[in-house]
Every structure is written in structure tokens, then in C-alpha cells.
Amino acid sequence: MVNNLIVFSSDKKYKINKRRVHKLVNYLRQELNLSISSLPVNFISSGEITAINKKYLKHNYSTDIITFNYSGDTKNIDGEIFISTDDADKNSRKYKNTLDEEFQRLIIHGILHLAGYDDMDVKSYRIMKKLENKLLNRYKITLLN
């Protein structure tokens, strides 16, 4: 069970269905055998994610997702996910998939990071990407209204 899942969107261009985000996160929680005590999922602009990236990670650029694991625990999650709607939109066009699929992929990607998966080297990237694709194909949930 997810005790505290909050879905927040400061970007009003996209109508995110919060119930469906909860459903996707719950499926992932079960699939990955996780406990989630707290997990805000924030859909924000590229400007907002750039500011977070600069302040906390010392990178002065936009990115599609930033994930923070506040507890450091990879089985009992206390974390936060920030998704740039602007970068997701650009990536969906670049990789020729729908924006909805891109949002799903980013949520999966963030939860995999919280569960301890990494993509910093080629081998880890391949392992994480393979699982990400498997989960995306298994749990197709429309997140946009």
C-alpha cells in the first residue's frame, strides 16, 4: 500500500489523472515488492526543474526527471519525483511516442531509481532500460485526461 502518494501539477497545460497515477504507482509497488511511505510526484515546467537541478544537483540545465530518495532505503520508499512536462513533451516527439507513454515511462524510471536501479554506466543502463520497457509494456495506463 502507498501511504502518502501526492500528485501535483503546476503545469496546467496537461491534465494529469491523479487516480491513474496512483494506479500505476501501486502496480509498480507490487511488481517491485516495495513499500512506499511517501512519494510526491510533481509535474512541473522546465524552468522549475532547472531551478531544482541547479540548487540541489549543481547542474544548470533542464532535464526530464529528477528523483530524490530521502530515506536512502530502496525497499521502503520515502522519496519524491519531479517530472518536467516540457522535456517530456520534447522527448515524446524526439522518440516518436505519445506524451502519455512518456509520462508513464518517467514515473517508472523514477520508481526504478528509488528502488535502487541506476543508469550511470552502460551495463546498469541496459539493465534498467530493459526493466523499464518491460514495465511500460505490462502496465499501460492512460495518465492524461
N, C-alpha and C. Protein backbone atom coordinates (compact mmCIF):
# COMPACT_ATOMS: atom_id res chain seq x y z
N MET A 1 0.84 -1.19 0.00
CA MET A 1 0.00 0.00 0.00
C MET A 1 0.88 1.24 0.00
N VAL A 2 0.38 2.28 -0.67
CA VAL A 2 1.07 3.56 -0.69
C VAL A 2 0.39 4.44 0.36
N ASN A 3 1.13 4.77 1.41
CA ASN A 3 0.55 5.56 2.49
C ASN A 3 0.34 7.02 2.10
N ASN A 4 1.30 7.60 1.41
CA ASN A 4 1.23 9.02 1.13
C ASN A 4 1.75 9.30 -0.28
N LEU A 5 0.87 9.17 -1.25
CA LEU A 5 1.21 9.48 -2.64
C LEU A 5 0.45 10.74 -3.02
N ILE A 6 1.20 11.77 -3.37
CA ILE A 6 0.60 13.04 -3.75
C ILE A 6 1.01 13.33 -5.18
N VAL A 7 0.04 13.65 -6.02
CA VAL A 7 0.32 14.02 -7.40
C VAL A 7 0.03 15.50 -7.53
N PHE A 8 1.04 16.25 -7.95
CA PHE A 8 0.93 17.70 -8.05
C PHE A 8 1.34 18.12 -9.45
N SER A 9 0.57 19.03 -10.03
CA SER A 9 0.94 19.57 -11.34
C SER A 9 0.83 21.08 -11.31
N SER A 10 1.98 21.74 -11.49
CA SER A 10 1.96 23.20 -11.58
C SER A 10 1.78 23.64 -13.03
N ASP A 11 1.89 22.69 -13.95
CA ASP A 11 1.76 22.99 -15.37
C ASP A 11 0.33 22.66 -15.80
N LYS A 12 -0.47 23.67 -16.01
CA LYS A 12 -1.90 23.48 -16.28
C LYS A 12 -2.19 23.11 -17.74
N LYS A 13 -1.15 23.04 -18.60
CA LYS A 13 -1.35 22.64 -20.00
C LYS A 13 -1.77 21.18 -20.10
N TYR A 14 -1.35 20.39 -19.13
CA TYR A 14 -1.60 18.95 -19.18
C TYR A 14 -2.51 18.54 -18.04
N LYS A 15 -3.55 17.80 -18.36
CA LYS A 15 -4.50 17.34 -17.35
C LYS A 15 -4.11 15.92 -16.94
N ILE A 16 -3.39 15.82 -15.83
CA ILE A 16 -2.92 14.54 -15.31
C ILE A 16 -4.04 13.93 -14.47
N ASN A 17 -4.38 12.67 -14.75
CA ASN A 17 -5.38 11.96 -13.96
C ASN A 17 -4.69 11.36 -12.75
N LYS A 18 -4.93 11.95 -11.60
CA LYS A 18 -4.25 11.55 -10.37
C LYS A 18 -4.56 10.11 -9.97
N ARG A 19 -5.79 9.69 -10.16
CA ARG A 19 -6.16 8.30 -9.81
C ARG A 19 -5.36 7.29 -10.62
N ARG A 20 -5.16 7.62 -11.90
CA ARG A 20 -4.41 6.69 -12.76
C ARG A 20 -2.93 6.68 -12.41
N VAL A 21 -2.40 7.82 -11.98
CA VAL A 21 -1.01 7.84 -11.49
C VAL A 21 -0.90 6.95 -10.26
N HIS A 22 -1.87 7.06 -9.35
CA HIS A 22 -1.90 6.20 -8.16
C HIS A 22 -1.96 4.72 -8.56
N LYS A 23 -2.77 4.41 -9.55
CA LYS A 23 -2.92 3.04 -10.01
C LYS A 23 -1.59 2.51 -10.56
N LEU A 24 -0.93 3.29 -11.39
CA LEU A 24 0.36 2.90 -11.95
C LEU A 24 1.39 2.69 -10.84
N VAL A 25 1.48 3.63 -9.93
CA VAL A 25 2.45 3.52 -8.83
C VAL A 25 2.14 2.29 -7.99
N ASN A 26 0.88 2.00 -7.75
CA ASN A 26 0.52 0.82 -6.95
C ASN A 26 0.93 -0.47 -7.67
N TYR A 27 0.70 -0.54 -8.97
CA TYR A 27 1.14 -1.71 -9.74
C TYR A 27 2.65 -1.88 -9.64
N LEU A 28 3.38 -0.79 -9.78
CA LEU A 28 4.84 -0.84 -9.72
C LEU A 28 5.31 -1.25 -8.33
N ARG A 29 4.64 -0.73 -7.32
CA ARG A 29 4.96 -1.09 -5.93
C ARG A 29 4.84 -2.60 -5.74
N GLN A 30 3.74 -3.17 -6.24
CA GLN A 30 3.53 -4.61 -6.11
C GLN A 30 4.55 -5.39 -6.92
N GLU A 31 4.77 -4.99 -8.15
CA GLU A 31 5.69 -5.68 -9.06
C GLU A 31 7.11 -5.71 -8.51
N LEU A 32 7.54 -4.59 -7.91
CA LEU A 32 8.91 -4.47 -7.43
C LEU A 32 9.04 -4.81 -5.94
N ASN A 33 7.94 -5.24 -5.33
CA ASN A 33 7.91 -5.62 -3.92
C ASN A 33 8.42 -4.49 -3.02
N LEU A 34 7.80 -3.32 -3.19
CA LEU A 34 8.20 -2.14 -2.44
C LEU A 34 7.13 -1.75 -1.44
N SER A 35 7.54 -1.04 -0.43
CA SER A 35 6.64 -0.34 0.46
C SER A 35 6.89 1.15 0.21
N ILE A 36 5.84 1.92 0.08
CA ILE A 36 6.01 3.35 -0.17
C ILE A 36 5.33 4.13 0.95
N SER A 37 6.14 4.78 1.77
CA SER A 37 5.57 5.56 2.86
C SER A 37 5.23 6.97 2.42
N SER A 38 6.03 7.52 1.48
CA SER A 38 5.75 8.86 0.97
C SER A 38 6.36 9.01 -0.41
N LEU A 39 5.55 9.51 -1.37
CA LEU A 39 6.06 9.69 -2.72
C LEU A 39 5.26 10.77 -3.46
N PRO A 40 5.60 12.03 -3.27
CA PRO A 40 5.01 13.06 -4.13
C PRO A 40 5.56 12.92 -5.55
N VAL A 41 4.66 13.01 -6.53
CA VAL A 41 5.02 13.01 -7.95
C VAL A 41 4.61 14.37 -8.48
N ASN A 42 5.60 15.17 -8.87
CA ASN A 42 5.39 16.56 -9.27
C ASN A 42 5.59 16.73 -10.77
N PHE A 43 4.59 17.23 -11.46
CA PHE A 43 4.68 17.54 -12.88
C PHE A 43 4.88 19.05 -12.97
N ILE A 44 6.07 19.46 -13.44
CA ILE A 44 6.45 20.87 -13.39
C ILE A 44 7.04 21.32 -14.73
N SER A 45 7.30 22.60 -14.87
CA SER A 45 7.86 23.15 -16.11
C SER A 45 9.37 22.93 -16.16
N SER A 46 9.94 23.15 -17.33
CA SER A 46 11.40 23.01 -17.47
C SER A 46 12.13 24.07 -16.65
N GLY A 47 11.53 25.25 -16.52
CA GLY A 47 12.14 26.28 -15.67
C GLY A 47 12.21 25.86 -14.22
N GLU A 48 11.14 25.24 -13.74
CA GLU A 48 11.12 24.78 -12.35
C GLU A 48 12.12 23.65 -12.12
N ILE A 49 12.19 22.71 -13.08
CA ILE A 49 13.13 21.59 -12.88
C ILE A 49 14.57 22.05 -13.03
N THR A 50 14.81 23.07 -13.88
CA THR A 50 16.16 23.64 -13.99
C THR A 50 16.59 24.23 -12.65
N ALA A 51 15.68 24.95 -11.99
CA ALA A 51 15.99 25.56 -10.70
C ALA A 51 16.31 24.48 -9.65
N ILE A 52 15.55 23.38 -9.64
CA ILE A 52 15.81 22.28 -8.70
C ILE A 52 17.14 21.63 -9.03
N ASN A 53 17.39 21.40 -10.32
CA ASN A 53 18.63 20.78 -10.77
C ASN A 53 19.84 21.62 -10.36
N LYS A 54 19.71 22.93 -10.52
CA LYS A 54 20.80 23.84 -10.18
C LYS A 54 21.03 23.89 -8.66
N LYS A 55 19.94 24.01 -7.92
CA LYS A 55 20.04 24.15 -6.46
C LYS A 55 20.56 22.90 -5.77
N TYR A 56 20.03 21.73 -6.15
CA TYR A 56 20.35 20.52 -5.41
C TYR A 56 21.42 19.64 -6.07
N LEU A 57 21.55 19.71 -7.39
CA LEU A 57 22.48 18.82 -8.09
C LEU A 57 23.62 19.58 -8.77
N LYS A 58 23.56 20.92 -8.67
CA LYS A 58 24.60 21.78 -9.24
C LYS A 58 24.74 21.64 -10.76
N HIS A 59 23.61 21.34 -11.44
CA HIS A 59 23.57 21.27 -12.90
C HIS A 59 22.67 22.39 -13.39
N ASN A 60 23.18 23.24 -14.28
CA ASN A 60 22.41 24.38 -14.73
C ASN A 60 21.74 24.08 -16.08
N TYR A 61 20.81 23.11 -16.08
CA TYR A 61 20.06 22.77 -17.29
C TYR A 61 18.77 22.03 -16.92
N SER A 62 17.89 21.98 -17.88
CA SER A 62 16.64 21.26 -17.70
C SER A 62 16.88 19.77 -17.94
N THR A 63 16.05 18.96 -17.37
CA THR A 63 16.11 17.51 -17.56
C THR A 63 14.69 16.97 -17.44
N ASP A 64 14.45 15.78 -17.93
CA ASP A 64 13.08 15.26 -17.92
C ASP A 64 12.62 14.78 -16.55
N ILE A 65 13.56 14.31 -15.72
CA ILE A 65 13.16 13.79 -14.40
C ILE A 65 14.29 13.96 -13.39
N ILE A 66 13.89 14.27 -12.17
CA ILE A 66 14.80 14.26 -11.02
C ILE A 66 14.09 13.48 -9.92
N THR A 67 14.83 12.57 -9.31
CA THR A 67 14.28 11.73 -8.26
C THR A 67 15.13 11.89 -7.00
N PHE A 68 14.47 12.09 -5.87
CA PHE A 68 15.16 12.17 -4.59
C PHE A 68 14.69 11.03 -3.70
N ASN A 69 15.63 10.28 -3.15
CA ASN A 69 15.33 9.24 -2.18
C ASN A 69 15.75 9.78 -0.82
N TYR A 70 14.77 10.23 -0.03
CA TYR A 70 15.06 10.90 1.23
C TYR A 70 15.52 9.95 2.31
N SER A 71 15.08 8.69 2.27
CA SER A 71 15.45 7.75 3.31
C SER A 71 16.71 6.96 2.94
N GLY A 72 17.01 6.87 1.65
CA GLY A 72 18.13 6.03 1.21
C GLY A 72 17.76 4.57 1.16
N ASP A 73 16.57 4.22 1.62
CA ASP A 73 16.09 2.84 1.63
C ASP A 73 15.49 2.52 0.27
N THR A 74 15.85 1.39 -0.30
CA THR A 74 15.33 1.02 -1.62
C THR A 74 14.18 0.03 -1.55
N LYS A 75 13.73 -0.33 -0.37
CA LYS A 75 12.57 -1.22 -0.22
C LYS A 75 11.39 -0.49 0.42
N ASN A 76 11.66 0.42 1.35
CA ASN A 76 10.62 1.24 1.96
C ASN A 76 10.87 2.68 1.49
N ILE A 77 10.15 3.06 0.46
CA ILE A 77 10.42 4.30 -0.24
C ILE A 77 9.85 5.52 0.49
N ASP A 78 10.71 6.49 0.69
CA ASP A 78 10.34 7.83 1.12
C ASP A 78 11.09 8.75 0.18
N GLY A 79 10.43 9.16 -0.88
CA GLY A 79 11.12 9.93 -1.90
C GLY A 79 10.21 10.92 -2.59
N GLU A 80 10.74 11.48 -3.66
CA GLU A 80 9.98 12.46 -4.43
C GLU A 80 10.45 12.43 -5.87
N ILE A 81 9.49 12.57 -6.79
CA ILE A 81 9.78 12.57 -8.22
C ILE A 81 9.33 13.90 -8.81
N PHE A 82 10.21 14.51 -9.60
CA PHE A 82 9.90 15.73 -10.33
C PHE A 82 10.00 15.42 -11.81
N ILE A 83 8.94 15.66 -12.56
CA ILE A 83 8.91 15.40 -13.99
C ILE A 83 8.68 16.72 -14.72
N SER A 84 9.56 17.02 -15.67
CA SER A 84 9.40 18.22 -16.49
C SER A 84 8.45 17.90 -17.64
N THR A 85 7.30 18.54 -17.63
CA THR A 85 6.32 18.31 -18.70
C THR A 85 6.87 18.80 -20.04
N ASP A 86 7.63 19.89 -20.02
CA ASP A 86 8.21 20.42 -21.27
C ASP A 86 9.21 19.44 -21.87
N ASP A 87 10.10 18.90 -21.04
CA ASP A 87 11.09 17.95 -21.53
C ASP A 87 10.44 16.63 -21.94
N ALA A 88 9.41 16.22 -21.22
CA ALA A 88 8.68 15.01 -21.60
C ALA A 88 8.02 15.20 -22.97
N ASP A 89 7.46 16.37 -23.19
CA ASP A 89 6.84 16.67 -24.48
C ASP A 89 7.87 16.62 -25.61
N LYS A 90 9.03 17.24 -25.39
CA LYS A 90 10.12 17.20 -26.40
C LYS A 90 10.57 15.77 -26.66
N ASN A 91 10.75 15.00 -25.59
CA ASN A 91 11.21 13.61 -25.74
C ASN A 91 10.19 12.74 -26.46
N SER A 92 8.90 12.98 -26.21
CA SER A 92 7.88 12.17 -26.87
C SER A 92 7.93 12.39 -28.38
N ARG A 93 8.18 13.62 -28.79
CA ARG A 93 8.31 13.90 -30.23
C ARG A 93 9.63 13.33 -30.78
N LYS A 94 10.69 13.50 -30.04
CA LYS A 94 12.01 13.01 -30.47
C LYS A 94 12.02 11.49 -30.65
N TYR A 95 11.42 10.76 -29.70
CA TYR A 95 11.44 9.30 -29.74
C TYR A 95 10.19 8.69 -30.37
N LYS A 96 9.32 9.57 -30.89
CA LYS A 96 8.11 9.15 -31.62
C LYS A 96 7.19 8.23 -30.79
N ASN A 97 6.93 8.67 -29.57
CA ASN A 97 5.91 8.01 -28.78
C ASN A 97 4.94 9.07 -28.27
N THR A 98 3.89 8.66 -27.62
CA THR A 98 2.91 9.64 -27.15
C THR A 98 3.41 10.30 -25.87
N LEU A 99 2.87 11.47 -25.58
CA LEU A 99 3.20 12.14 -24.34
C LEU A 99 2.76 11.30 -23.15
N ASP A 100 1.63 10.66 -23.29
CA ASP A 100 1.14 9.79 -22.22
C ASP A 100 2.14 8.68 -21.92
N GLU A 101 2.67 8.04 -22.96
CA GLU A 101 3.68 7.00 -22.77
C GLU A 101 4.94 7.57 -22.12
N GLU A 102 5.30 8.77 -22.50
CA GLU A 102 6.49 9.40 -21.93
C GLU A 102 6.30 9.66 -20.44
N PHE A 103 5.13 10.14 -20.05
CA PHE A 103 4.86 10.34 -18.62
C PHE A 103 4.91 9.01 -17.87
N GLN A 104 4.32 7.97 -18.46
CA GLN A 104 4.36 6.64 -17.83
C GLN A 104 5.81 6.18 -17.67
N ARG A 105 6.60 6.32 -18.74
CA ARG A 105 8.00 5.90 -18.72
C ARG A 105 8.76 6.64 -17.62
N LEU A 106 8.51 7.93 -17.49
CA LEU A 106 9.24 8.72 -16.49
C LEU A 106 8.87 8.32 -15.06
N ILE A 107 7.60 8.03 -14.82
CA ILE A 107 7.20 7.56 -13.49
C ILE A 107 7.88 6.23 -13.20
N ILE A 108 7.85 5.32 -14.16
CA ILE A 108 8.53 4.02 -13.99
C ILE A 108 10.02 4.24 -13.74
N HIS A 109 10.63 5.10 -14.54
CA HIS A 109 12.06 5.39 -14.41
C HIS A 109 12.39 5.91 -13.00
N GLY A 110 11.58 6.84 -12.52
CA GLY A 110 11.81 7.40 -11.19
C GLY A 110 11.67 6.36 -10.10
N ILE A 111 10.67 5.53 -10.19
CA ILE A 111 10.47 4.49 -9.17
C ILE A 111 11.61 3.46 -9.23
N LEU A 112 12.08 3.15 -10.42
CA LEU A 112 13.23 2.24 -10.52
C LEU A 112 14.46 2.84 -9.84
N HIS A 113 14.68 4.14 -10.02
CA HIS A 113 15.79 4.78 -9.32
C HIS A 113 15.59 4.67 -7.80
N LEU A 114 14.38 4.93 -7.33
CA LEU A 114 14.11 4.83 -5.89
C LEU A 114 14.30 3.40 -5.38
N ALA A 115 14.07 2.42 -6.25
CA ALA A 115 14.22 1.01 -5.88
C ALA A 115 15.68 0.54 -5.98
N GLY A 116 16.58 1.46 -6.34
CA GLY A 116 17.99 1.13 -6.33
C GLY A 116 18.62 0.89 -7.69
N TYR A 117 17.85 1.00 -8.75
CA TYR A 117 18.41 0.82 -10.09
C TYR A 117 19.13 2.10 -10.51
N ASP A 118 20.18 1.92 -11.29
CA ASP A 118 20.99 3.05 -11.72
C ASP A 118 21.23 2.97 -13.21
N ASP A 119 21.53 4.09 -13.81
CA ASP A 119 21.79 4.13 -15.26
C ASP A 119 23.05 4.94 -15.57
N MET A 120 24.01 4.88 -14.67
CA MET A 120 25.22 5.71 -14.80
C MET A 120 26.31 5.07 -15.65
N ASP A 121 26.25 3.77 -15.86
CA ASP A 121 27.21 3.13 -16.76
C ASP A 121 26.43 2.27 -17.75
N VAL A 122 27.09 1.82 -18.79
CA VAL A 122 26.42 1.12 -19.89
C VAL A 122 25.69 -0.13 -19.41
N LYS A 123 26.34 -0.95 -18.59
CA LYS A 123 25.72 -2.19 -18.11
C LYS A 123 24.47 -1.90 -17.26
N SER A 124 24.59 -0.98 -16.31
CA SER A 124 23.45 -0.61 -15.46
C SER A 124 22.32 0.01 -16.27
N TYR A 125 22.70 0.84 -17.24
CA TYR A 125 21.72 1.48 -18.11
C TYR A 125 20.90 0.43 -18.86
N ARG A 126 21.58 -0.56 -19.42
CA ARG A 126 20.88 -1.62 -20.17
C ARG A 126 19.93 -2.41 -19.30
N ILE A 127 20.37 -2.75 -18.09
CA ILE A 127 19.53 -3.50 -17.15
C ILE A 127 18.29 -2.68 -16.81
N MET A 128 18.50 -1.41 -16.47
CA MET A 128 17.39 -0.54 -16.08
C MET A 128 16.44 -0.30 -17.25
N LYS A 129 16.98 -0.05 -18.43
CA LYS A 129 16.16 0.22 -19.61
C LYS A 129 15.31 -0.99 -19.98
N LYS A 130 15.87 -2.17 -19.88
CA LYS A 130 15.14 -3.40 -20.19
C LYS A 130 13.94 -3.57 -19.23
N LEU A 131 14.18 -3.35 -17.95
CA LEU A 131 13.09 -3.45 -16.97
C LEU A 131 12.07 -2.34 -17.18
N GLU A 132 12.53 -1.15 -17.47
CA GLU A 132 11.64 -0.02 -17.74
C GLU A 132 10.70 -0.35 -18.91
N ASN A 133 11.26 -0.87 -20.00
CA ASN A 133 10.45 -1.25 -21.17
C ASN A 133 9.47 -2.35 -20.84
N LYS A 134 9.91 -3.34 -20.06
CA LYS A 134 9.03 -4.44 -19.66
C LYS A 134 7.84 -3.91 -18.85
N LEU A 135 8.12 -3.04 -17.90
CA LEU A 135 7.05 -2.48 -17.06
C LEU A 135 6.12 -1.57 -17.86
N LEU A 136 6.69 -0.80 -18.77
CA LEU A 136 5.87 0.08 -19.61
C LEU A 136 4.92 -0.75 -20.46
N ASN A 137 5.40 -1.84 -21.02
CA ASN A 137 4.55 -2.70 -21.83
C ASN A 137 3.51 -3.45 -21.02
N ARG A 138 3.85 -3.79 -19.79
CA ARG A 138 2.92 -4.55 -18.92
C ARG A 138 1.82 -3.67 -18.36
N TYR A 139 2.15 -2.45 -17.98
CA TYR A 139 1.20 -1.58 -17.29
C TYR A 139 0.90 -0.34 -18.11
N LYS A 140 0.14 -0.50 -19.16
CA LYS A 140 -0.27 0.65 -19.99
C LYS A 140 -1.50 1.28 -19.35
N ILE A 141 -1.29 2.46 -18.80
CA ILE A 141 -2.38 3.19 -18.14
C ILE A 141 -2.38 4.61 -18.70
N THR A 142 -3.50 5.05 -19.20
CA THR A 142 -3.62 6.40 -19.72
C THR A 142 -3.60 7.38 -18.55
N LEU A 143 -2.62 8.27 -18.52
CA LEU A 143 -2.47 9.21 -17.42
C LEU A 143 -3.06 10.57 -17.72
N LEU A 144 -3.24 10.88 -19.00
CA LEU A 144 -3.78 12.18 -19.37
C LEU A 144 -5.29 12.09 -19.61
N ASN A 145 -6.00 13.10 -19.14
CA ASN A 145 -7.45 13.15 -19.39
C ASN A 145 -7.73 13.68 -20.77
